[in-house]
Amino acid sequence: MSFKHQLRFLVLLFFGVLVNAQNKLFFVSPPNYELISTDLHIHTVFSDGSVWPDIRVSEAIREGLDLISITDHLEYQPHKSDIPHPDRNRSFDIANAAATKKPLSVIRGAEITRSMPPGHINAVFVQDVNKLLFPDDVSAGIIEANKQNAFVFWNHPNWARQRPDGIAKLDPLHEELIGKGLIHGIEVANETIFSDEAITIALENNLTILGTSDIHGIADWKFKIPEGGHRPITFVISEKNESKHIKKALFEGKTIVWFKDLMIGKEENLLKLLKANISVSSITYEKNEIIGKIILKNLSANPLNLKYTGKYTFHEDGSVFIIPPYNEKTLQVKTLSRKKSLALPFEVLNAIIGAKKHLNLTLVSD
């Protein structure tokens, strides 16, 4: 681990919960990348939300997000008699102005609201939201969003109001839209719900994996942020913290979802993340002992739930244990003979790479 990462870990370890609550590090970025924290599904009073757009900006900054998109419903406008707005770009304009000279980017977006199929569809990195409004045409808004080079994804495909069994599944219209390259991603986590089936759909159709808050009320209340909770966040593994690079990475599927204590994503992306967020010490032995000590450090804000799958046993632990956020774990490994280095294979039980499938990760002592 570099001196920079050592220093960062000590600071985070010392300040603990205070650091997590004060807009600091969620996860260490993989080498040569920026890890961009995003929420691409947010509502305001300009559709069916409860707050003004500048409040969404303030919430995101307080929580430490890098980028958000205000995605108010185009068709569903329950407050329009109180807040008439013929320009559907208005909520973005207010939020974008509120974020000026602040550590947050706001991108233009919208939610195309349909019954199933295709259900609700988000388009972000849009140029003009007004042009997506086609109340009587199922697919026209999606087609127009693609003409504007937007990133388009399917919202809450397991939403019980549209899927009473809670099972995400493809209808022929979804297959057509995906086949034509008009849908690029899918939510596997939305607000408080999660879908193994949506992960399968993403992997089988090369769709980007996303998690969003879909927040309508107060984020602090919904996700218990003052008590240490967090909204669902999509981390984008980007070459730079710039819109064009973030958009490119979204299209390339370089994302990881942080949902409750779960980390969800394609295997190659989660491997990058975990390798950057776990440090492994050298193996040491006490005099006259052949029980090796190795220290594992968790550099992230998320607990690591590990299951050892190798041939050795531990002196003080079973095969399953948790390393809390910004904390460390000393393993005493009964190696039977003195080793200069040791490879320890684990299943990361809260790292999801498929339906009921967890990431396998080997940690090697220095």
Protein backbone atom coordinates (compact mmCIF):
# COMPACT_ATOMS: atom_id res chain seq x y z
CA MET A 1 0.00 0.00 0.00
CA SER A 2 1.37 3.41 -0.96
CA PHE A 3 2.18 6.08 1.65
CA LYS A 4 -0.79 8.10 0.35
CA HIS A 5 -3.16 5.21 0.97
CA GLN A 6 -1.58 4.50 4.39
CA LEU A 7 -2.07 8.10 5.44
CA ARG A 8 -5.65 8.13 4.15
CA PHE A 9 -6.42 4.92 6.03
CA LEU A 10 -5.04 6.28 9.32
CA VAL A 11 -7.08 9.45 8.99
CA LEU A 12 -10.24 7.50 8.23
CA LEU A 13 -9.58 5.05 11.03
CA PHE A 14 -9.04 7.88 13.52
CA PHE A 15 -12.09 9.89 12.63
CA GLY A 16 -14.38 6.90 11.99
CA VAL A 17 -18.05 7.74 11.52
CA LEU A 18 -17.28 11.47 11.40
CA VAL A 19 -15.33 10.99 8.19
CA ASN A 20 -18.09 8.97 6.57
CA ALA A 21 -20.67 11.63 7.42
CA GLN A 22 -18.59 14.58 6.28
CA ASN A 23 -18.31 14.04 2.55
CA LYS A 24 -15.05 12.08 2.47
CA LEU A 25 -13.92 8.79 0.99
CA PHE A 26 -16.41 6.00 0.21
CA PHE A 27 -13.95 3.75 -1.61
CA VAL A 28 -10.36 4.14 -2.79
CA SER A 29 -10.26 4.53 -6.57
CA PRO A 30 -8.57 1.77 -8.59
CA PRO A 31 -5.12 2.75 -9.91
CA ASN A 32 -5.24 5.08 -12.95
CA TYR A 33 -9.00 5.66 -12.58
CA GLU A 34 -11.40 8.05 -10.89
CA LEU A 35 -14.27 6.48 -8.95
CA ILE A 36 -17.24 8.78 -9.57
CA SER A 37 -20.16 8.53 -7.12
CA THR A 38 -23.47 9.15 -8.86
CA ASP A 39 -27.23 9.07 -8.43
CA LEU A 40 -28.98 9.09 -11.81
CA HIS A 41 -32.61 8.83 -10.66
CA ILE A 42 -33.92 11.74 -8.55
CA HIS A 43 -37.24 13.59 -8.35
CA THR A 44 -38.33 17.09 -7.33
CA VAL A 45 -41.58 19.06 -7.09
CA PHE A 46 -41.37 19.46 -10.86
CA SER A 47 -42.88 15.97 -11.06
CA ASP A 48 -43.91 13.90 -8.03
CA GLY A 49 -41.11 14.75 -5.60
CA SER A 50 -41.45 16.76 -2.40
CA VAL A 51 -38.52 19.21 -2.58
CA TRP A 52 -37.18 22.04 -4.71
CA PRO A 53 -34.28 21.11 -7.02
CA ASP A 54 -31.66 23.03 -5.05
CA ILE A 55 -32.38 20.80 -2.03
CA ARG A 56 -31.37 17.79 -4.12
CA VAL A 57 -28.06 19.53 -4.79
CA SER A 58 -27.52 20.28 -1.10
CA GLU A 59 -28.32 16.69 -0.11
CA ALA A 60 -25.91 15.27 -2.69
CA ILE A 61 -23.08 17.57 -1.60
CA ARG A 62 -23.62 16.73 2.08
CA GLU A 63 -23.51 13.02 1.22
CA GLY A 64 -20.33 13.33 -0.84
CA LEU A 65 -21.70 12.54 -4.30
CA ASP A 66 -19.82 13.67 -7.40
CA LEU A 67 -22.65 13.73 -9.94
CA ILE A 68 -26.45 13.62 -10.02
CA SER A 69 -29.19 13.82 -12.61
CA ILE A 70 -32.61 15.31 -11.87
CA THR A 71 -34.93 12.90 -13.69
CA ASP A 72 -38.43 14.24 -13.19
CA HIS A 73 -41.28 12.42 -14.90
CA LEU A 74 -42.12 13.92 -18.28
CA GLU A 75 -45.73 12.73 -18.35
CA TYR A 76 -46.66 12.46 -14.68
CA GLN A 77 -47.06 16.00 -13.32
CA PRO A 78 -49.19 15.94 -10.13
CA HIS A 79 -48.09 19.45 -9.04
CA LYS A 80 -48.58 21.22 -12.35
CA SER A 81 -51.57 23.27 -11.13
CA ASP A 82 -49.37 24.71 -8.37
CA ILE A 83 -46.10 24.76 -10.32
CA PRO A 84 -46.92 25.14 -14.01
CA HIS A 85 -43.81 24.73 -16.14
CA PRO A 86 -44.13 24.26 -19.88
CA ASP A 87 -40.34 23.86 -20.04
CA ARG A 88 -39.43 20.38 -18.77
CA ASN A 89 -35.79 21.47 -18.47
CA ARG A 90 -36.66 23.79 -15.59
CA SER A 91 -35.73 21.47 -12.69
CA PHE A 92 -32.31 20.86 -14.26
CA ASP A 93 -31.75 24.58 -14.76
CA ILE A 94 -32.44 25.31 -11.08
CA ALA A 95 -30.29 22.42 -9.83
CA ASN A 96 -27.45 23.22 -12.20
CA ALA A 97 -27.41 26.85 -11.07
CA ALA A 98 -27.38 25.74 -7.42
CA ALA A 99 -24.36 23.54 -8.10
CA THR A 100 -22.29 26.33 -9.67
CA LYS A 101 -18.85 26.46 -8.05
CA LYS A 102 -19.80 23.51 -5.83
CA PRO A 103 -18.14 20.06 -5.70
CA LEU A 104 -20.99 18.47 -7.63
CA SER A 105 -21.91 18.06 -11.29
CA VAL A 106 -25.54 18.03 -12.43
CA ILE A 107 -26.47 16.51 -15.79
CA ARG A 108 -29.73 16.87 -17.66
CA GLY A 109 -32.11 13.92 -17.50
CA ALA A 110 -35.73 12.80 -17.50
CA GLU A 111 -37.95 9.83 -16.75
CA ILE A 112 -40.12 8.56 -19.59
CA THR A 113 -43.15 7.16 -17.80
CA ARG A 114 -44.99 4.20 -19.33
CA SER A 115 -46.97 1.19 -18.23
CA MET A 116 -45.28 -2.18 -18.65
CA PRO A 117 -43.91 -2.76 -21.20
CA PRO A 118 -41.55 -1.02 -21.35
CA GLY A 119 -42.15 0.49 -17.90
CA HIS A 120 -40.27 3.55 -16.69
CA ILE A 121 -37.17 4.56 -18.62
CA ASN A 122 -34.54 7.13 -17.64
CA ALA A 123 -32.48 9.13 -20.12
CA VAL A 124 -29.45 11.10 -18.88
CA PHE A 125 -26.91 13.27 -20.66
CA VAL A 126 -29.89 14.61 -22.61
CA GLN A 127 -29.65 17.86 -24.60
CA ASP A 128 -33.33 18.95 -24.46
CA VAL A 129 -35.84 17.17 -22.25
CA ASN A 130 -38.85 18.75 -23.98
CA LYS A 131 -38.16 16.80 -27.15
CA LEU A 132 -38.64 13.49 -25.31
CA LEU A 133 -42.30 14.17 -24.56
CA PHE A 134 -44.52 11.85 -26.65
CA PRO A 135 -47.54 11.03 -24.45
CA ASP A 136 -49.22 8.73 -26.98
CA ASP A 137 -46.21 6.83 -28.34
CA VAL A 138 -44.55 4.06 -26.35
CA SER A 139 -41.08 4.19 -27.92
CA ALA A 140 -40.74 7.64 -29.49
CA GLY A 141 -39.21 9.27 -26.40
CA ILE A 142 -36.61 6.51 -26.14
CA ILE A 143 -35.74 6.90 -29.82
CA GLU A 144 -35.43 10.69 -29.45
CA ALA A 145 -33.18 10.28 -26.39
CA ASN A 146 -30.86 8.12 -28.46
CA LYS A 147 -30.86 10.74 -31.21
CA GLN A 148 -29.56 13.12 -28.53
CA ASN A 149 -26.82 10.58 -27.68
CA ALA A 150 -28.27 10.05 -24.22
CA PHE A 151 -27.50 7.14 -21.90
CA VAL A 152 -30.82 5.28 -21.50
CA PHE A 153 -31.69 2.75 -18.81
CA TRP A 154 -34.64 0.74 -17.53
CA ASN A 155 -35.86 1.74 -14.07
CA HIS A 156 -36.92 -0.66 -11.28
CA PRO A 157 -37.76 -3.62 -13.59
CA ASN A 158 -38.91 -5.56 -10.49
CA TRP A 159 -41.24 -2.81 -9.18
CA ALA A 160 -44.24 -4.58 -7.65
CA ARG A 161 -46.74 -2.10 -9.13
CA GLN A 162 -45.69 -3.22 -12.61
CA ARG A 163 -44.39 -6.71 -11.77
CA PRO A 164 -46.69 -8.04 -9.01
CA ASP A 165 -44.39 -11.03 -8.45
CA GLY A 166 -41.33 -8.78 -8.05
CA ILE A 167 -39.51 -10.65 -10.84
CA ALA A 168 -37.68 -8.62 -13.49
CA LYS A 169 -38.27 -10.13 -16.93
CA LEU A 170 -37.96 -9.12 -20.56
CA ASP A 171 -41.03 -8.57 -22.69
CA PRO A 172 -40.73 -8.65 -26.49
CA LEU A 173 -40.63 -4.83 -26.56
CA HIS A 174 -37.63 -4.83 -24.21
CA GLU A 175 -35.88 -7.37 -26.39
CA GLU A 176 -36.55 -5.19 -29.43
CA LEU A 177 -35.28 -2.01 -27.77
CA ILE A 178 -32.19 -3.72 -26.39
CA GLY A 179 -31.54 -5.47 -29.71
CA LYS A 180 -31.60 -2.11 -31.48
CA GLY A 181 -29.17 -0.63 -28.96
CA LEU A 182 -31.75 1.83 -27.61
CA ILE A 183 -31.50 0.73 -23.95
CA HIS A 184 -28.02 0.70 -22.44
CA GLY A 185 -28.49 -0.07 -18.75
CA ILE A 186 -30.78 -1.49 -16.08
CA GLU A 187 -31.33 -0.78 -12.40
CA VAL A 188 -30.54 -3.77 -10.20
CA ALA A 189 -31.16 -1.68 -7.07
CA ASN A 190 -33.75 1.07 -6.67
CA GLU A 191 -34.50 2.86 -3.40
CA THR A 192 -34.91 -0.15 -1.04
CA ILE A 193 -35.45 -2.98 -3.55
CA PHE A 194 -32.93 -5.31 -5.20
CA SER A 195 -33.22 -7.77 -8.10
CA ASP A 196 -31.07 -10.84 -8.79
CA GLU A 197 -33.08 -11.29 -11.99
CA ALA A 198 -32.13 -7.81 -13.20
CA ILE A 199 -28.45 -8.71 -12.75
CA THR A 200 -28.99 -11.73 -14.97
CA ILE A 201 -30.70 -9.56 -17.59
CA ALA A 202 -27.77 -7.12 -17.45
CA LEU A 203 -25.12 -9.82 -17.86
CA GLU A 204 -26.95 -11.70 -20.62
CA ASN A 205 -27.63 -8.52 -22.63
CA ASN A 206 -24.43 -6.56 -21.91
CA LEU A 207 -26.33 -3.81 -20.10
CA THR A 208 -24.72 -1.44 -17.62
CA ILE A 209 -25.52 -2.27 -13.98
CA LEU A 210 -27.04 0.63 -12.03
CA GLY A 211 -28.37 1.44 -8.57
CA THR A 212 -30.27 4.63 -7.76
CA SER A 213 -32.16 6.30 -4.93
CA ASP A 214 -35.27 7.23 -6.95
CA ILE A 215 -35.71 9.69 -4.09
CA HIS A 216 -39.00 11.58 -3.81
CA GLY A 217 -38.94 12.71 -0.18
CA ILE A 218 -36.04 13.65 2.12
CA ALA A 219 -32.93 11.55 1.53
CA ASP A 220 -31.76 11.76 5.17
CA TRP A 221 -35.09 10.36 6.36
CA LYS A 222 -35.42 7.67 3.71
CA PHE A 223 -31.92 6.24 3.98
CA LYS A 224 -31.14 7.15 7.63
CA ILE A 225 -28.00 8.97 6.54
CA PRO A 226 -27.37 10.73 9.89
CA GLU A 227 -27.28 7.28 11.52
CA GLY A 228 -24.67 6.01 9.04
CA GLY A 229 -26.87 4.84 6.19
CA HIS A 230 -26.48 5.78 2.55
CA ARG A 231 -28.56 5.96 -0.59
CA PRO A 232 -27.97 3.43 -3.38
CA ILE A 233 -25.00 4.80 -5.33
CA THR A 234 -23.62 3.90 -8.74
CA PHE A 235 -19.85 4.30 -8.85
CA VAL A 236 -18.54 4.89 -12.36
CA ILE A 237 -14.96 3.78 -13.02
CA SER A 238 -13.86 6.66 -15.23
CA GLU A 239 -10.55 7.78 -16.68
CA LYS A 240 -11.26 11.34 -15.47
CA ASN A 241 -13.89 13.19 -13.47
CA GLU A 242 -15.27 14.86 -16.57
CA SER A 243 -18.71 14.42 -18.14
CA LYS A 244 -17.48 12.99 -21.44
CA HIS A 245 -15.34 10.39 -19.68
CA ILE A 246 -18.09 9.48 -17.21
CA LYS A 247 -20.59 9.07 -20.03
CA LYS A 248 -18.14 6.90 -21.98
CA ALA A 249 -17.56 4.67 -18.94
CA LEU A 250 -21.33 4.28 -18.43
CA PHE A 251 -21.74 3.10 -22.01
CA GLU A 252 -18.83 0.69 -21.47
CA GLY A 253 -20.49 -0.81 -18.39
CA LYS A 254 -17.77 0.27 -15.95
CA THR A 255 -19.96 0.57 -12.87
CA ILE A 256 -20.32 -0.75 -9.34
CA VAL A 257 -23.49 -0.40 -7.27
CA TRP A 258 -23.34 0.21 -3.52
CA PHE A 259 -26.68 -0.89 -2.07
CA LYS A 260 -26.98 -1.18 1.71
CA ASP A 261 -23.90 -3.33 2.53
CA LEU A 262 -23.80 -4.97 -0.91
CA MET A 263 -21.33 -4.21 -3.69
CA ILE A 264 -22.79 -5.26 -7.04
CA GLY A 265 -21.23 -5.31 -10.48
CA LYS A 266 -19.51 -7.20 -13.24
CA GLU A 267 -16.66 -9.37 -11.99
CA GLU A 268 -13.86 -7.36 -13.58
CA ASN A 269 -15.16 -4.12 -12.07
CA LEU A 270 -15.56 -5.52 -8.56
CA LEU A 271 -12.07 -7.03 -8.70
CA LYS A 272 -10.63 -3.59 -9.49
CA LEU A 273 -12.56 -2.06 -6.60
CA LEU A 274 -11.75 -4.68 -3.97
CA LYS A 275 -8.06 -4.88 -4.84
CA ALA A 276 -7.83 -1.12 -4.32
CA ASN A 277 -9.68 -1.24 -1.01
CA ILE A 278 -8.01 -4.12 0.82
CA SER A 279 -4.37 -4.00 1.84
CA VAL A 280 -2.44 -7.08 2.95
CA SER A 281 0.60 -7.00 5.23
CA SER A 282 3.64 -9.22 5.10
CA ILE A 283 3.41 -12.50 6.99
CA THR A 284 5.22 -12.59 10.33
CA TYR A 285 5.88 -15.27 12.93
CA GLU A 286 6.59 -15.21 16.65
CA LYS A 287 9.73 -16.94 17.83
CA ASN A 288 9.35 -20.73 17.93
CA GLU A 289 5.88 -20.57 16.32
CA ILE A 290 4.61 -21.59 12.89
CA ILE A 291 1.41 -19.59 13.15
CA GLY A 292 1.67 -16.76 10.66
CA LYS A 293 0.14 -13.34 11.30
CA ILE A 294 -1.31 -11.34 8.42
CA ILE A 295 -3.14 -8.01 8.75
CA LEU A 296 -5.97 -7.23 6.34
CA LYS A 297 -7.04 -3.57 6.19
CA ASN A 298 -10.40 -2.40 4.87
CA LEU A 299 -9.88 1.06 3.34
CA SER A 300 -13.54 1.56 2.42
CA ALA A 301 -16.77 2.79 4.03
CA ASN A 302 -18.37 -0.62 3.53
CA PRO A 303 -17.91 -3.72 5.71
CA LEU A 304 -16.21 -6.66 4.04
CA ASN A 305 -17.90 -10.00 4.65
CA LEU A 306 -15.27 -12.62 3.86
CA LYS A 307 -15.37 -16.40 3.69
CA TYR A 308 -12.00 -18.15 3.52
CA THR A 309 -11.97 -21.01 0.99
CA GLY A 310 -8.36 -22.18 1.22
CA LYS A 311 -6.66 -25.19 2.82
CA TYR A 312 -5.43 -23.58 6.04
CA THR A 313 -7.31 -22.89 9.27
CA PHE A 314 -7.11 -19.88 11.57
CA HIS A 315 -5.98 -19.82 15.19
CA GLU A 316 -8.53 -17.29 16.49
CA ASP A 317 -11.24 -17.19 13.80
CA GLY A 318 -13.53 -19.38 11.80
CA SER A 319 -13.66 -19.28 8.02
CA VAL A 320 -16.25 -16.45 7.91
CA PHE A 321 -15.63 -13.02 9.40
CA ILE A 322 -16.33 -9.33 8.82
CA ILE A 323 -13.86 -6.44 8.60
CA PRO A 324 -15.74 -3.26 9.57
CA PRO A 325 -15.36 -0.03 7.56
CA TYR A 326 -11.98 1.69 7.88
CA ASN A 327 -10.76 -1.12 10.11
CA GLU A 328 -8.41 -4.05 10.11
CA LYS A 329 -8.31 -7.73 10.96
CA THR A 330 -5.32 -9.76 12.14
CA LEU A 331 -5.48 -13.34 10.94
CA GLN A 332 -3.41 -16.02 12.66
CA VAL A 333 -2.92 -18.68 10.00
CA LYS A 334 -1.75 -22.17 10.90
CA THR A 335 0.61 -22.57 7.94
CA LEU A 336 2.32 -25.79 9.18
CA SER A 337 5.66 -24.42 7.97
CA ARG A 338 7.13 -20.92 7.82
CA LYS A 339 6.19 -19.05 4.65
CA LYS A 340 7.74 -15.95 3.10
CA SER A 341 4.50 -15.17 1.32
CA LEU A 342 0.98 -16.51 1.44
CA ALA A 343 -2.00 -16.48 -0.93
CA LEU A 344 -5.37 -16.53 0.81
CA PRO A 345 -8.47 -17.21 -1.34
CA PHE A 346 -11.77 -15.71 -0.22
CA GLU A 347 -15.37 -15.51 -1.29
CA VAL A 348 -16.59 -11.96 -0.68
CA LEU A 349 -20.11 -12.67 0.54
CA ASN A 350 -21.36 -9.10 0.07
CA ALA A 351 -19.83 -8.65 -3.39
CA ILE A 352 -22.42 -9.77 -5.97
CA ILE A 353 -21.37 -10.65 -9.54
CA GLY A 354 -24.50 -12.55 -10.60
CA ALA A 355 -27.72 -14.04 -9.30
CA LYS A 356 -26.74 -15.68 -5.98
CA LYS A 357 -23.09 -15.51 -7.07
CA HIS A 358 -20.30 -13.88 -5.06
CA LEU A 359 -16.89 -12.58 -6.04
CA ASN A 360 -13.86 -14.80 -5.49
CA LEU A 361 -10.74 -12.87 -4.49
CA THR A 362 -7.24 -14.04 -3.62
CA LEU A 363 -5.23 -11.83 -1.27
CA VAL A 364 -1.45 -12.20 -1.34
CA SER A 365 0.81 -11.09 1.52
CA ASP A 366 3.60 -8.67 0.59
